[in-house]
Amino acid sequence: MKDTGIFQEMRTSVRLVAATMTVCCLLYGLAILGFGQAVAPKRACGSLVFNERGEPVGSELIAQGFVRPEYFWPRPSAADYNASSAGGSNLSPANPELRSRAQGILAKMGADSSHPLPADLATTSGSGLDPHITLVAAKFQAGRVAAARSMNVEDVLALLDKNAIRTGGALTPDPVVNVLLVNLALNRMGK
């Protein structure tokens, strides 16, 4: 049987698809990985954070849900701190569920009119995984953390000031702290 034009076109198409997949999926992916490893190796590997024993305990880029009183708590997460389902709640400001959640957070944090809660402790971030809170929000929690660890509040505040950063440089209006890194620093203090 003679090779007809349709079989020739199919062979050509298969070779074209194989070449395209090799270049676009394999070679491009390897080039981007290599570039990332050369330029920013820590970020290319997920910005992993390790404990004293060298075990990975999280990432600088993804929030974790701390709930024990001796730790600083992150922003609330509509995604329950699950990186595979990142996203906001998409609740309308008029939704009663949003109001109920905010009232629960205010009660949990011990906020009232004389001790107002910073906004980032009452609202979720767009991704639900923001690893930072403002320095003001961290200082709001300093009393609870110090009491739970039997520490002086001044020592906790000094630790916060030491770990405060401006993620956008001079363009960032308020300093922030990475909740995971501050909590690990507290653990290293041995209290």
C-alpha atoms as a PDB file:
ATOM      1  CA  MET A   1       0.000   0.000   0.000  1.00  0.00           C
ATOM      2  CA  LYS A   2       1.347   3.324  -1.028  1.00  0.00           C
ATOM      3  CA  ASP A   3       1.965   6.031   1.599  1.00  0.00           C
ATOM      4  CA  THR A   4      -0.830   8.510   1.034  1.00  0.00           C
ATOM      5  CA  GLY A   5      -0.802  12.174   1.847  1.00  0.00           C
ATOM      6  CA  ILE A   6      -2.935  11.779   4.978  1.00  0.00           C
ATOM      7  CA  PHE A   7      -0.430   9.421   6.675  1.00  0.00           C
ATOM      8  CA  GLN A   8       2.410  11.751   5.756  1.00  0.00           C
ATOM      9  CA  GLU A   9       0.507  14.670   7.318  1.00  0.00           C
ATOM     10  CA  MET A  10      -0.158  12.643  10.486  1.00  0.00           C
ATOM     11  CA  ARG A  11       3.527  11.744  10.869  1.00  0.00           C
ATOM     12  CA  THR A  12       4.475  15.377  10.333  1.00  0.00           C
ATOM     13  CA  SER A  13       1.876  16.492  12.899  1.00  0.00           C
ATOM     14  CA  VAL A  14       3.079  13.976  15.499  1.00  0.00           C
ATOM     15  CA  ARG A  15       6.692  15.093  15.029  1.00  0.00           C
ATOM     16  CA  LEU A  16       5.638  18.745  15.299  1.00  0.00           C
ATOM     17  CA  VAL A  17       3.680  18.083  18.511  1.00  0.00           C
ATOM     18  CA  ALA A  18       6.617  16.121  19.998  1.00  0.00           C
ATOM     19  CA  ALA A  19       9.074  18.896  19.134  1.00  0.00           C
ATOM     20  CA  THR A  20       6.755  21.592  20.496  1.00  0.00           C
ATOM     21  CA  MET A  21       6.182  19.661  23.744  1.00  0.00           C
ATOM     22  CA  THR A  22       9.917  19.121  24.178  1.00  0.00           C
ATOM     23  CA  VAL A  23      10.762  22.780  23.644  1.00  0.00           C
ATOM     24  CA  CYS A  24       7.808  24.385  25.452  1.00  0.00           C
ATOM     25  CA  CYS A  25       7.384  21.974  28.364  1.00  0.00           C
ATOM     26  CA  LEU A  26      10.747  20.401  29.040  1.00  0.00           C
ATOM     27  CA  LEU A  27      13.419  22.815  27.815  1.00  0.00           C
ATOM     28  CA  TYR A  28      11.579  26.004  28.783  1.00  0.00           C
ATOM     29  CA  GLY A  29      10.766  24.593  32.248  1.00  0.00           C
ATOM     30  CA  LEU A  30      14.379  23.589  32.809  1.00  0.00           C
ATOM     31  CA  ALA A  31      15.607  27.011  31.627  1.00  0.00           C
ATOM     32  CA  ILE A  32      13.278  28.839  34.041  1.00  0.00           C
ATOM     33  CA  LEU A  33      14.237  26.502  36.902  1.00  0.00           C
ATOM     34  CA  GLY A  34      17.928  27.013  36.188  1.00  0.00           C
ATOM     35  CA  PHE A  35      17.515  30.785  35.989  1.00  0.00           C
ATOM     36  CA  GLY A  36      15.591  30.827  39.279  1.00  0.00           C
ATOM     37  CA  GLN A  37      18.217  28.673  40.988  1.00  0.00           C
ATOM     38  CA  ALA A  38      21.014  30.939  39.737  1.00  0.00           C
ATOM     39  CA  VAL A  39      19.370  34.282  40.549  1.00  0.00           C
ATOM     40  CA  ALA A  40      17.341  33.550  43.718  1.00  0.00           C
ATOM     41  CA  PRO A  41      17.962  29.987  44.928  1.00  0.00           C
ATOM     42  CA  LYS A  42      16.105  30.307  48.255  1.00  0.00           C
ATOM     43  CA  ARG A  43      12.950  31.703  46.647  1.00  0.00           C
ATOM     44  CA  ALA A  44      13.161  29.206  43.777  1.00  0.00           C
ATOM     45  CA  CYS A  45      13.032  26.418  46.368  1.00  0.00           C
ATOM     46  CA  GLY A  46       9.947  27.848  48.095  1.00  0.00           C
ATOM     47  CA  SER A  47      11.635  30.024  50.749  1.00  0.00           C
ATOM     48  CA  LEU A  48      11.517  27.132  53.187  1.00  0.00           C
ATOM     49  CA  VAL A  49      12.124  27.804  56.867  1.00  0.00           C
ATOM     50  CA  PHE A  50      13.868  25.202  59.025  1.00  0.00           C
ATOM     51  CA  ASN A  51      13.859  24.646  62.785  1.00  0.00           C
ATOM     52  CA  GLU A  52      16.902  24.065  64.987  1.00  0.00           C
ATOM     53  CA  ARG A  53      16.993  20.372  64.000  1.00  0.00           C
ATOM     54  CA  GLY A  54      17.111  21.228  60.295  1.00  0.00           C
ATOM     55  CA  GLU A  55      13.527  20.108  59.661  1.00  0.00           C
ATOM     56  CA  PRO A  56      11.330  22.202  57.351  1.00  0.00           C
ATOM     57  CA  VAL A  57       8.553  23.882  59.334  1.00  0.00           C
ATOM     58  CA  GLY A  58       7.015  26.105  56.670  1.00  0.00           C
ATOM     59  CA  SER A  59       7.618  28.742  54.071  1.00  0.00           C
ATOM     60  CA  GLU A  60       8.255  32.457  54.470  1.00  0.00           C
ATOM     61  CA  LEU A  61       5.704  32.978  51.695  1.00  0.00           C
ATOM     62  CA  ILE A  62       2.665  31.094  53.041  1.00  0.00           C
ATOM     63  CA  ALA A  63       0.813  31.751  56.296  1.00  0.00           C
ATOM     64  CA  GLN A  64       0.184  29.041  58.850  1.00  0.00           C
ATOM     65  CA  GLY A  65      -2.709  28.937  61.269  1.00  0.00           C
ATOM     66  CA  PHE A  66      -1.238  29.442  64.739  1.00  0.00           C
ATOM     67  CA  VAL A  67      -3.891  29.213  67.457  1.00  0.00           C
ATOM     68  CA  ARG A  68      -2.021  28.628  70.722  1.00  0.00           C
ATOM     69  CA  PRO A  69      -1.815  31.726  72.964  1.00  0.00           C
ATOM     70  CA  GLU A  70       2.004  31.677  73.157  1.00  0.00           C
ATOM     71  CA  TYR A  71       2.254  32.369  69.418  1.00  0.00           C
ATOM     72  CA  PHE A  72       1.425  35.360  67.287  1.00  0.00           C
ATOM     73  CA  TRP A  73      -1.616  34.713  65.158  1.00  0.00           C
ATOM     74  CA  PRO A  74      -1.705  35.521  61.431  1.00  0.00           C
ATOM     75  CA  ARG A  75      -4.479  37.194  59.497  1.00  0.00           C
ATOM     76  CA  PRO A  76      -7.659  35.144  59.239  1.00  0.00           C
ATOM     77  CA  SER A  77      -7.748  32.921  56.168  1.00  0.00           C
ATOM     78  CA  ALA A  78     -10.780  32.233  53.999  1.00  0.00           C
ATOM     79  CA  ALA A  79      -8.790  29.287  52.576  1.00  0.00           C
ATOM     80  CA  ASP A  80      -8.044  27.830  56.042  1.00  0.00           C
ATOM     81  CA  TYR A  81      -4.310  28.344  55.319  1.00  0.00           C
ATOM     82  CA  ASN A  82      -4.459  25.710  52.566  1.00  0.00           C
ATOM     83  CA  ALA A  83      -2.167  26.734  49.715  1.00  0.00           C
ATOM     84  CA  SER A  84      -3.928  24.435  47.261  1.00  0.00           C
ATOM     85  CA  SER A  85      -7.174  26.374  47.635  1.00  0.00           C
ATOM     86  CA  ALA A  86      -5.889  29.919  48.001  1.00  0.00           C
ATOM     87  CA  GLY A  87      -8.379  32.707  47.608  1.00  0.00           C
ATOM     88  CA  GLY A  88     -10.648  35.114  49.376  1.00  0.00           C
ATOM     89  CA  SER A  89     -14.099  34.342  50.682  1.00  0.00           C
ATOM     90  CA  ASN A  90     -15.850  36.474  48.043  1.00  0.00           C
ATOM     91  CA  LEU A  91     -18.442  37.399  50.649  1.00  0.00           C
ATOM     92  CA  SER A  92     -20.326  40.628  50.127  1.00  0.00           C
ATOM     93  CA  PRO A  93     -19.808  43.302  52.792  1.00  0.00           C
ATOM     94  CA  ALA A  94     -23.535  42.944  53.506  1.00  0.00           C
ATOM     95  CA  ASN A  95     -23.303  39.171  54.047  1.00  0.00           C
ATOM     96  CA  PRO A  96     -24.288  38.229  57.632  1.00  0.00           C
ATOM     97  CA  GLU A  97     -21.638  35.464  57.640  1.00  0.00           C
ATOM     98  CA  LEU A  98     -18.915  38.089  57.245  1.00  0.00           C
ATOM     99  CA  ARG A  99     -20.297  40.096  60.163  1.00  0.00           C
ATOM    100  CA  SER A 100     -20.553  36.973  62.309  1.00  0.00           C
ATOM    101  CA  ARG A 101     -16.959  36.001  61.505  1.00  0.00           C
ATOM    102  CA  ALA A 102     -15.728  39.504  62.373  1.00  0.00           C
ATOM    103  CA  GLN A 103     -17.597  39.481  65.697  1.00  0.00           C
ATOM    104  CA  GLY A 104     -16.039  36.103  66.548  1.00  0.00           C
ATOM    105  CA  ILE A 105     -12.572  37.441  65.763  1.00  0.00           C
ATOM    106  CA  LEU A 106     -13.155  40.569  67.871  1.00  0.00           C
ATOM    107  CA  ALA A 107     -14.209  38.422  70.825  1.00  0.00           C
ATOM    108  CA  LYS A 108     -11.293  35.990  70.378  1.00  0.00           C
ATOM    109  CA  MET A 109      -8.774  38.839  70.263  1.00  0.00           C
ATOM    110  CA  GLY A 110     -10.290  40.680  73.226  1.00  0.00           C
ATOM    111  CA  ALA A 111     -10.897  43.854  71.245  1.00  0.00           C
ATOM    112  CA  ASP A 112     -13.339  46.547  72.271  1.00  0.00           C
ATOM    113  CA  SER A 113     -13.832  50.274  71.749  1.00  0.00           C
ATOM    114  CA  SER A 114     -11.018  51.124  74.171  1.00  0.00           C
ATOM    115  CA  HIS A 115      -8.686  48.495  72.637  1.00  0.00           C
ATOM    116  CA  PRO A 116      -9.525  48.490  68.883  1.00  0.00           C
ATOM    117  CA  LEU A 117      -8.383  45.595  66.721  1.00  0.00           C
ATOM    118  CA  PRO A 118      -6.057  46.413  63.780  1.00  0.00           C
ATOM    119  CA  ALA A 119      -7.864  45.803  60.497  1.00  0.00           C
ATOM    120  CA  ASP A 120      -5.481  43.108  59.255  1.00  0.00           C
ATOM    121  CA  LEU A 121      -6.367  40.877  62.217  1.00  0.00           C
ATOM    122  CA  ALA A 122     -10.080  41.105  61.415  1.00  0.00           C
ATOM    123  CA  THR A 123      -9.995  40.771  57.631  1.00  0.00           C
ATOM    124  CA  THR A 124      -8.685  38.051  55.356  1.00  0.00           C
ATOM    125  CA  SER A 125      -6.151  38.779  52.653  1.00  0.00           C
ATOM    126  CA  GLY A 126      -7.001  38.300  48.990  1.00  0.00           C
ATOM    127  CA  SER A 127      -5.122  35.000  48.842  1.00  0.00           C
ATOM    128  CA  GLY A 128      -5.939  33.830  52.357  1.00  0.00           C
ATOM    129  CA  LEU A 129      -2.238  33.007  52.745  1.00  0.00           C
ATOM    130  CA  ASP A 130      -0.564  36.318  53.595  1.00  0.00           C
ATOM    131  CA  PRO A 131       2.379  35.434  55.887  1.00  0.00           C
ATOM    132  CA  HIS A 132       2.761  38.969  57.265  1.00  0.00           C
ATOM    133  CA  ILE A 133       0.851  41.106  59.721  1.00  0.00           C
ATOM    134  CA  THR A 134       1.497  44.758  60.392  1.00  0.00           C
ATOM    135  CA  LEU A 135       3.776  45.659  63.265  1.00  0.00           C
ATOM    136  CA  VAL A 136       0.753  47.330  64.883  1.00  0.00           C
ATOM    137  CA  ALA A 137      -1.189  44.034  64.690  1.00  0.00           C
ATOM    138  CA  ALA A 138       1.737  42.123  66.166  1.00  0.00           C
ATOM    139  CA  LYS A 139       2.088  44.625  69.012  1.00  0.00           C
ATOM    140  CA  PHE A 140      -1.647  44.261  69.677  1.00  0.00           C
ATOM    141  CA  GLN A 141      -0.957  40.589  70.470  1.00  0.00           C
ATOM    142  CA  ALA A 142       2.275  41.145  72.427  1.00  0.00           C
ATOM    143  CA  GLY A 143       0.599  41.161  75.848  1.00  0.00           C
ATOM    144  CA  ARG A 144      -1.103  37.810  75.270  1.00  0.00           C
ATOM    145  CA  VAL A 145       2.072  36.207  73.915  1.00  0.00           C
ATOM    146  CA  ALA A 146       4.224  37.570  76.752  1.00  0.00           C
ATOM    147  CA  ALA A 147       1.772  36.373  79.416  1.00  0.00           C
ATOM    148  CA  ALA A 148       1.504  32.883  77.862  1.00  0.00           C
ATOM    149  CA  ARG A 149       5.305  32.580  77.756  1.00  0.00           C
ATOM    150  CA  SER A 150       5.939  34.229  81.145  1.00  0.00           C
ATOM    151  CA  MET A 151       8.021  36.917  79.452  1.00  0.00           C
ATOM    152  CA  ASN A 152       8.292  40.660  79.839  1.00  0.00           C
ATOM    153  CA  VAL A 153       6.176  42.505  77.310  1.00  0.00           C
ATOM    154  CA  GLU A 154       9.165  44.765  76.605  1.00  0.00           C
ATOM    155  CA  ASP A 155      11.214  41.744  75.462  1.00  0.00           C
ATOM    156  CA  VAL A 156       8.442  40.667  73.094  1.00  0.00           C
ATOM    157  CA  LEU A 157       8.095  44.202  71.721  1.00  0.00           C
ATOM    158  CA  ALA A 158      11.859  44.415  71.205  1.00  0.00           C
ATOM    159  CA  LEU A 159      11.754  41.123  69.272  1.00  0.00           C
ATOM    160  CA  LEU A 160       8.974  42.504  67.071  1.00  0.00           C
ATOM    161  CA  ASP A 161      10.881  45.709  66.357  1.00  0.00           C
ATOM    162  CA  LYS A 162      13.979  43.674  65.500  1.00  0.00           C
ATOM    163  CA  ASN A 163      12.015  41.515  63.022  1.00  0.00           C
ATOM    164  CA  ALA A 164       9.952  44.310  61.447  1.00  0.00           C
ATOM    165  CA  ILE A 165      10.561  44.850  57.738  1.00  0.00           C
ATOM    166  CA  ARG A 166       9.193  47.004  54.960  1.00  0.00           C
ATOM    167  CA  THR A 167       8.395  44.539  52.178  1.00  0.00           C
ATOM    168  CA  GLY A 168       8.149  47.287  49.590  1.00  0.00           C
ATOM    169  CA  GLY A 169      11.110  49.269  50.843  1.00  0.00           C
ATOM    170  CA  ALA A 170      10.533  52.968  51.348  1.00  0.00           C
ATOM    171  CA  LEU A 171       7.227  52.694  49.453  1.00  0.00           C
ATOM    172  CA  THR A 172       5.661  50.556  52.196  1.00  0.00           C
ATOM    173  CA  PRO A 173       3.801  52.799  54.635  1.00  0.00           C
ATOM    174  CA  ASP A 174       3.726  50.371  57.577  1.00  0.00           C
ATOM    175  CA  PRO A 175       6.331  47.845  58.690  1.00  0.00           C
ATOM    176  CA  VAL A 176       5.254  44.206  58.829  1.00  0.00           C
ATOM    177  CA  VAL A 177       6.464  41.052  60.551  1.00  0.00           C
ATOM    178  CA  ASN A 178       6.490  37.527  59.202  1.00  0.00           C
ATOM    179  CA  VAL A 179       4.412  35.557  61.712  1.00  0.00           C
ATOM    180  CA  LEU A 180       6.270  32.253  61.223  1.00  0.00           C
ATOM    181  CA  LEU A 181       9.706  33.849  61.596  1.00  0.00           C
ATOM    182  CA  VAL A 182       8.708  35.763  64.742  1.00  0.00           C
ATOM    183  CA  ASN A 183       7.188  32.642  66.298  1.00  0.00           C
ATOM    184  CA  LEU A 184      10.350  30.670  65.575  1.00  0.00           C
ATOM    185  CA  ALA A 185      12.432  33.481  67.094  1.00  0.00           C
ATOM    186  CA  LEU A 186      10.279  33.241  70.230  1.00  0.00           C
ATOM    187  CA  ASN A 187      10.928  29.494  70.378  1.00  0.00           C
ATOM    188  CA  ARG A 188      14.669  30.103  70.075  1.00  0.00           C
ATOM    189  CA  MET A 189      14.500  32.449  73.062  1.00  0.00           C
ATOM    190  CA  GLY A 190      13.588  29.346  75.070  1.00  0.00           C
ATOM    191  CA  LYS A 191      10.575  30.783  76.799  1.00  0.00           C
END
